[in-house]
Protein backbone atom coordinates (compact mmCIF):
# COMPACT_ATOMS: atom_id res chain seq x y z
CA MET A 1 -8.94 75.60 147.34
CA ASP A 2 -6.97 72.55 146.36
CA ARG A 3 -3.23 72.80 146.93
CA HIS A 4 -2.52 71.93 143.28
CA LEU A 5 -4.61 74.86 142.09
CA SER A 6 -3.04 77.32 144.52
CA ASP A 7 0.45 76.11 143.54
CA PHE A 8 -0.50 76.45 139.88
CA ILE A 9 -1.59 80.06 140.41
CA GLU A 10 1.61 80.93 142.26
CA LEU A 11 3.79 79.37 139.56
CA PHE A 12 1.76 80.87 136.71
CA ASN A 13 1.96 84.36 138.21
CA SER A 14 5.74 83.87 138.61
CA LYS A 15 6.03 83.01 134.88
CA CYS A 16 7.03 79.41 135.69
CA PHE A 17 4.58 78.19 133.08
CA PHE A 18 5.96 74.71 132.50
CA ASP A 19 6.03 73.94 136.22
CA ALA A 20 2.53 75.39 136.61
CA HIS A 21 1.23 73.10 133.91
CA GLU A 22 2.87 70.08 135.55
CA VAL A 23 1.39 70.85 138.98
CA LEU A 24 -2.16 71.22 137.75
CA GLU A 25 -1.98 68.23 135.44
CA ASP A 26 -2.00 65.90 138.46
CA LEU A 27 -5.26 67.41 139.68
CA TRP A 28 -6.75 67.40 136.17
CA ILE A 29 -6.09 63.67 135.78
CA GLU A 30 -7.86 62.92 139.06
CA SER A 31 -10.83 65.23 138.47
CA GLU A 32 -14.23 64.53 136.92
CA GLY A 33 -17.15 66.54 135.65
CA GLU A 34 -17.16 70.21 134.70
CA VAL A 35 -14.15 71.08 136.84
CA LYS A 36 -11.99 68.83 134.64
CA ASP A 37 -12.48 71.12 131.63
CA PHE A 38 -11.78 74.18 133.79
CA TYR A 39 -8.43 72.73 134.80
CA LYS A 40 -7.75 71.83 131.17
CA GLY A 41 -8.36 75.44 130.16
CA LEU A 42 -5.92 76.70 132.79
CA ILE A 43 -3.32 74.11 131.84
CA GLN A 44 -3.57 75.08 128.19
CA CYS A 45 -3.25 78.74 129.12
CA ALA A 46 0.08 77.94 130.78
CA VAL A 47 1.13 75.75 127.83
CA ALA A 48 0.48 78.64 125.42
CA PHE A 49 3.10 80.64 127.32
CA VAL A 50 5.50 77.68 127.35
CA HIS A 51 5.27 77.69 123.55
CA LEU A 52 5.95 81.44 123.51
CA GLN A 53 8.99 80.97 125.72
CA ARG A 54 10.23 78.52 123.09
CA ASN A 55 9.40 80.94 120.23
CA ASN A 56 6.77 78.56 118.86
CA PHE A 57 4.12 81.03 117.70
CA ARG A 58 2.09 78.44 115.83
CA GLY A 59 1.83 76.13 118.85
CA ALA A 60 1.11 79.05 121.17
CA LYS A 61 -1.74 80.35 119.03
CA LYS A 62 -3.27 76.91 118.63
CA VAL A 63 -3.27 76.20 122.37
CA HIS A 64 -4.43 79.76 123.08
CA GLY A 65 -7.54 79.14 121.02
CA THR A 66 -8.44 75.90 122.75
CA SER A 67 -7.73 77.37 126.18
CA CYS A 68 -10.06 80.29 125.47
CA GLY A 69 -12.75 77.88 124.38
CA TYR A 70 -12.61 76.08 127.69
CA LEU A 71 -12.25 79.16 129.90
CA ARG A 72 -15.23 80.96 128.30
CA ARG A 73 -17.48 78.33 129.89
CA TYR A 74 -16.45 79.47 133.36
CA LEU A 75 -17.08 83.22 133.31
CA PRO A 76 -17.02 85.41 135.30
CA ASP A 77 -15.37 83.27 137.99
CA TYR A 78 -14.97 79.65 138.95
CA GLU A 79 -13.21 77.84 141.80
CA GLU A 80 -12.32 81.27 143.26
CA VAL A 81 -10.46 82.24 140.04
CA ASN A 82 -11.41 85.49 138.31
CA THR A 83 -11.71 83.85 134.90
CA GLU A 84 -13.12 86.96 133.25
CA LYS A 85 -10.00 88.99 134.05
CA LEU A 86 -7.68 86.16 133.05
CA LEU A 87 -9.45 85.54 129.75
CA THR A 88 -9.60 89.25 128.89
CA GLU A 89 -5.88 89.72 129.55
CA PHE A 90 -5.00 86.46 127.79
CA VAL A 91 -6.88 87.42 124.61
CA GLU A 92 -5.47 90.98 124.62
CA TYR A 93 -1.93 89.67 125.11
CA PHE A 94 -2.20 87.44 122.06
CA GLU A 95 -3.97 90.05 119.93
CA LYS A 96 -1.43 92.78 120.69
CA ILE A 97 1.87 91.50 122.02
CA VAL A 98 2.10 88.10 120.35
CA SER A 99 0.85 89.24 116.94
CA GLU A 100 3.33 92.16 116.89
CA ALA A 101 6.26 89.95 117.91
CA GLU A 102 5.32 87.40 115.28
CA LYS A 103 5.13 90.10 112.58
CA ARG A 104 8.60 91.31 113.57
CA GLY A 105 9.89 87.73 113.69
CA GLU A 106 11.15 88.29 117.21
CA PRO A 107 10.53 86.41 120.44
CA VAL A 108 8.01 87.77 122.92
CA ASP A 109 9.78 89.66 125.72
CA MET A 110 7.77 88.61 128.76
CA HIS A 111 9.65 91.00 131.02
CA GLU A 112 8.96 94.04 128.88
CA ASN A 113 5.40 92.88 128.23
CA PRO A 114 4.06 91.46 131.49
CA THR A 115 1.95 88.35 131.05
CA PRO A 116 -1.57 87.98 132.42
CA THR A 117 -1.89 87.02 136.06
CA ILE A 118 -4.49 84.96 137.84
CA GLU A 119 -6.42 86.72 140.58
CA LEU A 120 -8.83 85.27 143.09
CA VAL A 121 -12.32 86.59 143.75
């Protein structure tokens, strides 16, 4: 596994979403072919949570949708990442946690509502 991807996973799972996005962006820029869209899906997944951390529900939902579109192409796993688990948790988080917080007009509490994590296969 590429160092950028492993660093991304560690940062993502630690809720350091902005840093995770930055780390993987370097690899995404250098990549070609189908793996490029996989990295883009992961990056956008992290960016969706950056938007949530900034209480930008509109931006988070928009990027969530595009991320899901990319990640669906790589089920059930790709590059050692359990994409099926990530995508399932990501969709559920937005359907339940994010929609409820948005209805209440309150920020998403990512400590009370643990975010999805990336697992390897």
